[in-house]
Amino acid sequence: MQRSISSSKNVYRNIIHYQKPPTAAVVTPKQQPCEVFINHRGIDTKKCVAGLLYNHLRSLRLQPFLDSKNMKPGDKLFDKINNAISECKVGVAVFSPRYCQSYFCLHELTRIVEAKKKVIPVFCDVKPSELTIKDNWRRPKHEIDSFQSALEEAKYTVGLTFDSSNGDWQGFLMSATEAIIENLIEVEEEEQQKIIREI
């Protein structure tokens, strides 16, 4: 059954419990946990696909994580990213031509897959078959093997494709948002079922 984005959004909002921000001016609200972790190669997609997707999800009152938006000077890089991945419900892997040249991209993807999070691949200006790992970092074999395993799993997951040179940006944002909301709903339903079984 196909849900529209607005009805999916309404269903998702009814499932989760949003807290009202505190009214007192002296109290700073606690940062909401990340719902959607956006894994991407900054040099390729930060100012286009990943950045637009982040802003669009924020406009829908979702809690996405994008390194350039959620991190500040002084944050411990791996601690902040690993915490966001462990909190998130869905990971969006934005694959691009130079994605596999980044140790950090592959590290994040591996953490998402190993944490058994839902992964939505977005193939931006690249085909799945073009994504290959070359170990330019001289890392241990077991680490490169785990990167390769995570990449293969993501490559063979149904995802979205986008050509940034002549693609429909609005259509892409709507398709990506719908896929994210559908997966968030699915994760919430699975969590609810798990709670019911444990009672």
C-alpha atoms as a PDB file:
ATOM      1  CA  MET A   1       0.000   0.000   0.000  1.00  0.00           C
ATOM      2  CA  GLN A   2       1.431   3.388  -1.016  1.00  0.00           C
ATOM      3  CA  ARG A   3       1.194   6.200   1.527  1.00  0.00           C
ATOM      4  CA  SER A   4       1.556   9.845   0.551  1.00  0.00           C
ATOM      5  CA  ILE A   5       4.335  11.821   2.230  1.00  0.00           C
ATOM      6  CA  SER A   6       1.881  13.920   4.221  1.00  0.00           C
ATOM      7  CA  SER A   7      -0.041  10.892   5.509  1.00  0.00           C
ATOM      8  CA  SER A   8       3.218   9.062   6.281  1.00  0.00           C
ATOM      9  CA  LYS A   9       4.415  12.106   8.163  1.00  0.00           C
ATOM     10  CA  ASN A  10       1.163  12.254  10.169  1.00  0.00           C
ATOM     11  CA  VAL A  11       1.325   8.553  11.011  1.00  0.00           C
ATOM     12  CA  TYR A  12       4.952   8.878  12.068  1.00  0.00           C
ATOM     13  CA  ARG A  13       4.220  11.923  14.223  1.00  0.00           C
ATOM     14  CA  ASN A  14       1.412  10.011  15.943  1.00  0.00           C
ATOM     15  CA  ILE A  15       3.724   7.090  16.668  1.00  0.00           C
ATOM     16  CA  ILE A  16       6.515   9.052  18.291  1.00  0.00           C
ATOM     17  CA  HIS A  17       6.157  11.407  21.232  1.00  0.00           C
ATOM     18  CA  TYR A  18       7.553  14.858  20.686  1.00  0.00           C
ATOM     19  CA  GLN A  19       8.441  16.809  23.797  1.00  0.00           C
ATOM     20  CA  LYS A  20       7.501  20.471  23.958  1.00  0.00           C
ATOM     21  CA  PRO A  21      10.545  22.683  24.404  1.00  0.00           C
ATOM     22  CA  PRO A  22      10.842  24.237  27.861  1.00  0.00           C
ATOM     23  CA  THR A  23       9.219  27.649  28.201  1.00  0.00           C
ATOM     24  CA  ALA A  24      11.626  29.153  30.715  1.00  0.00           C
ATOM     25  CA  ALA A  25      14.277  31.260  29.002  1.00  0.00           C
ATOM     26  CA  VAL A  26      17.047  30.067  31.308  1.00  0.00           C
ATOM     27  CA  VAL A  27      16.610  26.371  30.488  1.00  0.00           C
ATOM     28  CA  THR A  28      18.354  25.113  27.373  1.00  0.00           C
ATOM     29  CA  PRO A  29      16.505  22.253  25.688  1.00  0.00           C
ATOM     30  CA  LYS A  30      18.290  18.930  25.501  1.00  0.00           C
ATOM     31  CA  GLN A  31      19.251  18.017  21.960  1.00  0.00           C
ATOM     32  CA  GLN A  32      16.834  15.451  20.541  1.00  0.00           C
ATOM     33  CA  PRO A  33      18.351  12.097  19.605  1.00  0.00           C
ATOM     34  CA  CYS A  34      19.221  11.616  15.960  1.00  0.00           C
ATOM     35  CA  GLU A  35      16.589   9.771  13.922  1.00  0.00           C
ATOM     36  CA  VAL A  36      18.273   9.804  10.514  1.00  0.00           C
ATOM     37  CA  PHE A  37      22.045   9.608  10.055  1.00  0.00           C
ATOM     38  CA  ILE A  38      23.188  11.030   6.704  1.00  0.00           C
ATOM     39  CA  ASN A  39      26.392   9.284   5.612  1.00  0.00           C
ATOM     40  CA  HIS A  40      28.025  11.085   2.684  1.00  0.00           C
ATOM     41  CA  ARG A  41      31.258  12.315   1.092  1.00  0.00           C
ATOM     42  CA  GLY A  42      31.308  16.014   1.902  1.00  0.00           C
ATOM     43  CA  ILE A  43      33.402  17.073  -1.075  1.00  0.00           C
ATOM     44  CA  ASP A  44      30.805  15.554  -3.436  1.00  0.00           C
ATOM     45  CA  THR A  45      27.433  16.079  -1.776  1.00  0.00           C
ATOM     46  CA  LYS A  46      27.508  18.336   1.322  1.00  0.00           C
ATOM     47  CA  LYS A  47      26.295  21.440  -0.505  1.00  0.00           C
ATOM     48  CA  CYS A  48      23.781  19.644  -2.691  1.00  0.00           C
ATOM     49  CA  VAL A  49      22.161  16.272  -1.996  1.00  0.00           C
ATOM     50  CA  ALA A  50      23.127  15.760   1.657  1.00  0.00           C
ATOM     51  CA  GLY A  51      22.658  19.397   2.658  1.00  0.00           C
ATOM     52  CA  LEU A  52      19.282  19.748   0.922  1.00  0.00           C
ATOM     53  CA  LEU A  53      18.060  16.471   2.390  1.00  0.00           C
ATOM     54  CA  TYR A  54      19.148  17.538   5.884  1.00  0.00           C
ATOM     55  CA  ASN A  55      17.347  20.894   5.598  1.00  0.00           C
ATOM     56  CA  HIS A  56      14.213  19.255   4.184  1.00  0.00           C
ATOM     57  CA  LEU A  57      14.049  16.695   7.009  1.00  0.00           C
ATOM     58  CA  ARG A  58      14.540  19.480   9.591  1.00  0.00           C
ATOM     59  CA  SER A  59      11.640  21.404   8.024  1.00  0.00           C
ATOM     60  CA  LEU A  60       9.480  18.319   8.705  1.00  0.00           C
ATOM     61  CA  ARG A  61      10.560  18.380  12.384  1.00  0.00           C
ATOM     62  CA  LEU A  62      12.618  15.203  12.024  1.00  0.00           C
ATOM     63  CA  GLN A  63      16.057  14.931  13.659  1.00  0.00           C
ATOM     64  CA  PRO A  64      18.697  14.226  10.995  1.00  0.00           C
ATOM     65  CA  PHE A  65      22.439  14.137  11.676  1.00  0.00           C
ATOM     66  CA  LEU A  66      24.860  15.705   9.200  1.00  0.00           C
ATOM     67  CA  ASP A  67      28.428  16.167  10.404  1.00  0.00           C
ATOM     68  CA  SER A  68      28.778  19.761   9.190  1.00  0.00           C
ATOM     69  CA  LYS A  69      25.499  20.764  10.869  1.00  0.00           C
ATOM     70  CA  ASN A  70      25.594  18.786  14.117  1.00  0.00           C
ATOM     71  CA  MET A  71      29.250  19.030  15.114  1.00  0.00           C
ATOM     72  CA  LYS A  72      31.152  21.958  16.550  1.00  0.00           C
ATOM     73  CA  PRO A  73      34.821  22.698  17.224  1.00  0.00           C
ATOM     74  CA  GLY A  74      36.003  20.638  20.179  1.00  0.00           C
ATOM     75  CA  ASP A  75      33.707  17.654  19.535  1.00  0.00           C
ATOM     76  CA  LYS A  76      35.455  14.284  19.472  1.00  0.00           C
ATOM     77  CA  LEU A  77      34.965  13.151  15.886  1.00  0.00           C
ATOM     78  CA  PHE A  78      34.490   9.404  16.325  1.00  0.00           C
ATOM     79  CA  ASP A  79      32.610   9.728  19.642  1.00  0.00           C
ATOM     80  CA  LYS A  80      30.048  12.156  18.214  1.00  0.00           C
ATOM     81  CA  ILE A  81      29.552  10.193  14.996  1.00  0.00           C
ATOM     82  CA  ASN A  82      29.396   6.794  16.708  1.00  0.00           C
ATOM     83  CA  ASN A  83      26.859   8.116  19.250  1.00  0.00           C
ATOM     84  CA  ALA A  84      24.678   9.542  16.480  1.00  0.00           C
ATOM     85  CA  ILE A  85      24.780   6.218  14.628  1.00  0.00           C
ATOM     86  CA  SER A  86      23.853   4.241  17.741  1.00  0.00           C
ATOM     87  CA  GLU A  87      20.911   6.629  18.408  1.00  0.00           C
ATOM     88  CA  CYS A  88      19.584   6.744  14.850  1.00  0.00           C
ATOM     89  CA  LYS A  89      16.772   4.625  13.512  1.00  0.00           C
ATOM     90  CA  VAL A  90      17.658   4.926   9.806  1.00  0.00           C
ATOM     91  CA  GLY A  91      20.892   5.552   7.931  1.00  0.00           C
ATOM     92  CA  VAL A  92      20.943   7.255   4.534  1.00  0.00           C
ATOM     93  CA  ALA A  93      24.123   6.406   2.618  1.00  0.00           C
ATOM     94  CA  VAL A  94      24.666   8.966  -0.144  1.00  0.00           C
ATOM     95  CA  PHE A  95      27.093   7.244  -2.519  1.00  0.00           C
ATOM     96  CA  SER A  96      29.020   9.490  -4.891  1.00  0.00           C
ATOM     97  CA  PRO A  97      32.020   9.108  -7.239  1.00  0.00           C
ATOM     98  CA  ARG A  98      34.654   9.719  -4.501  1.00  0.00           C
ATOM     99  CA  TYR A  99      32.760   8.076  -1.635  1.00  0.00           C
ATOM    100  CA  CYS A 100      35.019   5.010  -1.429  1.00  0.00           C
ATOM    101  CA  GLN A 101      38.149   7.178  -1.219  1.00  0.00           C
ATOM    102  CA  SER A 102      37.060   8.297   2.257  1.00  0.00           C
ATOM    103  CA  TYR A 103      38.027   6.230   5.280  1.00  0.00           C
ATOM    104  CA  PHE A 104      35.430   8.127   7.338  1.00  0.00           C
ATOM    105  CA  CYS A 105      32.566   7.373   4.930  1.00  0.00           C
ATOM    106  CA  LEU A 106      33.342   3.669   4.997  1.00  0.00           C
ATOM    107  CA  HIS A 107      33.808   3.692   8.780  1.00  0.00           C
ATOM    108  CA  GLU A 108      30.366   5.294   9.226  1.00  0.00           C
ATOM    109  CA  LEU A 109      28.703   2.908   6.772  1.00  0.00           C
ATOM    110  CA  THR A 110      30.253  -0.068   8.540  1.00  0.00           C
ATOM    111  CA  ARG A 111      29.034   1.186  11.936  1.00  0.00           C
ATOM    112  CA  ILE A 112      25.513   1.654  10.544  1.00  0.00           C
ATOM    113  CA  VAL A 113      25.416  -1.843   9.032  1.00  0.00           C
ATOM    114  CA  GLU A 114      26.998  -3.535  12.074  1.00  0.00           C
ATOM    115  CA  ALA A 115      24.470  -1.774  14.349  1.00  0.00           C
ATOM    116  CA  LYS A 116      21.760  -3.378  12.175  1.00  0.00           C
ATOM    117  CA  LYS A 117      20.184  -0.040  11.298  1.00  0.00           C
ATOM    118  CA  LYS A 118      17.961   0.320   8.258  1.00  0.00           C
ATOM    119  CA  VAL A 119      20.040   1.649   5.362  1.00  0.00           C
ATOM    120  CA  ILE A 120      18.635   3.636   2.444  1.00  0.00           C
ATOM    121  CA  PRO A 121      21.243   3.906  -0.319  1.00  0.00           C
ATOM    122  CA  VAL A 122      21.220   6.951  -2.584  1.00  0.00           C
ATOM    123  CA  PHE A 123      23.391   6.521  -5.676  1.00  0.00           C
ATOM    124  CA  CYS A 124      24.247  10.079  -6.690  1.00  0.00           C
ATOM    125  CA  ASP A 125      26.136  10.338  -9.986  1.00  0.00           C
ATOM    126  CA  VAL A 126      27.483   6.807  -9.508  1.00  0.00           C
ATOM    127  CA  LYS A 127      26.376   3.243 -10.259  1.00  0.00           C
ATOM    128  CA  PRO A 128      26.603   0.552  -7.550  1.00  0.00           C
ATOM    129  CA  SER A 129      29.069  -1.391  -9.718  1.00  0.00           C
ATOM    130  CA  GLU A 130      31.454   1.602  -9.689  1.00  0.00           C
ATOM    131  CA  LEU A 131      31.791   1.550  -5.896  1.00  0.00           C
ATOM    132  CA  THR A 132      35.001  -0.283  -5.031  1.00  0.00           C
ATOM    133  CA  ILE A 133      37.413  -0.021  -2.115  1.00  0.00           C
ATOM    134  CA  LYS A 134      41.120   0.537  -2.600  1.00  0.00           C
ATOM    135  CA  ASP A 135      43.046   0.388   0.653  1.00  0.00           C
ATOM    136  CA  ASN A 136      45.030   3.615   0.516  1.00  0.00           C
ATOM    137  CA  TRP A 137      45.065   3.919   4.306  1.00  0.00           C
ATOM    138  CA  ARG A 138      47.118   0.808   5.103  1.00  0.00           C
ATOM    139  CA  ARG A 139      44.509  -0.400   7.590  1.00  0.00           C
ATOM    140  CA  PRO A 140      44.348  -3.937   9.039  1.00  0.00           C
ATOM    141  CA  LYS A 141      42.839  -6.524   6.708  1.00  0.00           C
ATOM    142  CA  HIS A 142      39.911  -7.251   9.042  1.00  0.00           C
ATOM    143  CA  GLU A 143      38.923  -3.569   8.953  1.00  0.00           C
ATOM    144  CA  ILE A 144      39.039  -3.404   5.137  1.00  0.00           C
ATOM    145  CA  ASP A 145      37.047  -6.669   5.023  1.00  0.00           C
ATOM    146  CA  SER A 146      34.363  -5.157   7.266  1.00  0.00           C
ATOM    147  CA  PHE A 147      34.257  -2.055   5.028  1.00  0.00           C
ATOM    148  CA  GLN A 148      33.861  -4.289   1.972  1.00  0.00           C
ATOM    149  CA  SER A 149      31.112  -6.333   3.629  1.00  0.00           C
ATOM    150  CA  ALA A 150      29.140  -3.203   4.633  1.00  0.00           C
ATOM    151  CA  LEU A 151      29.549  -1.708   1.157  1.00  0.00           C
ATOM    152  CA  GLU A 152      28.342  -4.903  -0.514  1.00  0.00           C
ATOM    153  CA  GLU A 153      25.297  -5.057   1.756  1.00  0.00           C
ATOM    154  CA  ALA A 154      24.389  -1.437   0.987  1.00  0.00           C
ATOM    155  CA  LYS A 155      25.008  -1.865  -2.766  1.00  0.00           C
ATOM    156  CA  TYR A 156      22.513  -4.719  -2.852  1.00  0.00           C
ATOM    157  CA  THR A 157      19.807  -2.874  -0.915  1.00  0.00           C
ATOM    158  CA  VAL A 158      17.046  -1.215  -2.921  1.00  0.00           C
ATOM    159  CA  GLY A 159      17.763   2.484  -3.011  1.00  0.00           C
ATOM    160  CA  LEU A 160      17.372   5.684  -4.969  1.00  0.00           C
ATOM    161  CA  THR A 161      19.389   6.965  -7.912  1.00  0.00           C
ATOM    162  CA  PHE A 162      19.983  10.593  -8.756  1.00  0.00           C
ATOM    163  CA  ASP A 163      21.814  12.419 -11.529  1.00  0.00           C
ATOM    164  CA  SER A 164      22.717  15.834 -10.132  1.00  0.00           C
ATOM    165  CA  SER A 165      23.464  17.335 -13.556  1.00  0.00           C
ATOM    166  CA  ASN A 166      19.944  16.958 -14.940  1.00  0.00           C
ATOM    167  CA  GLY A 167      17.902  15.390 -12.174  1.00  0.00           C
ATOM    168  CA  ASP A 168      14.600  16.545 -10.701  1.00  0.00           C
ATOM    169  CA  TRP A 169      15.711  17.950  -7.321  1.00  0.00           C
ATOM    170  CA  GLN A 170      12.185  18.368  -5.964  1.00  0.00           C
ATOM    171  CA  GLY A 171      11.220  14.876  -7.068  1.00  0.00           C
ATOM    172  CA  PHE A 172      14.363  13.450  -5.495  1.00  0.00           C
ATOM    173  CA  LEU A 173      13.695  15.184  -2.155  1.00  0.00           C
ATOM    174  CA  MET A 174      10.119  13.922  -2.117  1.00  0.00           C
ATOM    175  CA  SER A 175      11.131  10.329  -2.994  1.00  0.00           C
ATOM    176  CA  ALA A 176      13.944  10.300  -0.439  1.00  0.00           C
ATOM    177  CA  THR A 177      11.725  11.778   2.273  1.00  0.00           C
ATOM    178  CA  GLU A 178       8.978   9.265   1.613  1.00  0.00           C
ATOM    179  CA  ALA A 179      11.471   6.376   1.769  1.00  0.00           C
ATOM    180  CA  ILE A 180      12.913   7.722   5.039  1.00  0.00           C
ATOM    181  CA  ILE A 181       9.502   8.196   6.651  1.00  0.00           C
ATOM    182  CA  GLU A 182       8.325   4.751   5.539  1.00  0.00           C
ATOM    183  CA  ASN A 183      11.437   3.191   7.088  1.00  0.00           C
ATOM    184  CA  LEU A 184      11.056   5.224  10.294  1.00  0.00           C
ATOM    185  CA  ILE A 185       7.477   3.987  10.601  1.00  0.00           C
ATOM    186  CA  GLU A 186       8.620   0.409  10.039  1.00  0.00           C
ATOM    187  CA  VAL A 187      11.331   0.696  12.713  1.00  0.00           C
ATOM    188  CA  GLU A 188       8.859   2.247  15.190  1.00  0.00           C
ATOM    189  CA  GLU A 189       6.357  -0.554  14.542  1.00  0.00           C
ATOM    190  CA  GLU A 190       9.063  -3.191  15.054  1.00  0.00           C
ATOM    191  CA  GLU A 191      10.100  -1.536  18.328  1.00  0.00           C
ATOM    192  CA  GLN A 192       6.478  -1.416  19.507  1.00  0.00           C
ATOM    193  CA  GLN A 193       6.030  -5.111  18.663  1.00  0.00           C
ATOM    194  CA  LYS A 194       9.187  -5.959  20.579  1.00  0.00           C
ATOM    195  CA  ILE A 195       7.922  -4.092  23.647  1.00  0.00           C
ATOM    196  CA  ILE A 196       4.554  -5.865  23.442  1.00  0.00           C
ATOM    197  CA  ARG A 197       6.252  -9.281  23.225  1.00  0.00           C
ATOM    198  CA  GLU A 198       8.380  -8.486  26.291  1.00  0.00           C
ATOM    199  CA  ILE A 199       5.351  -7.557  28.435  1.00  0.00           C
END
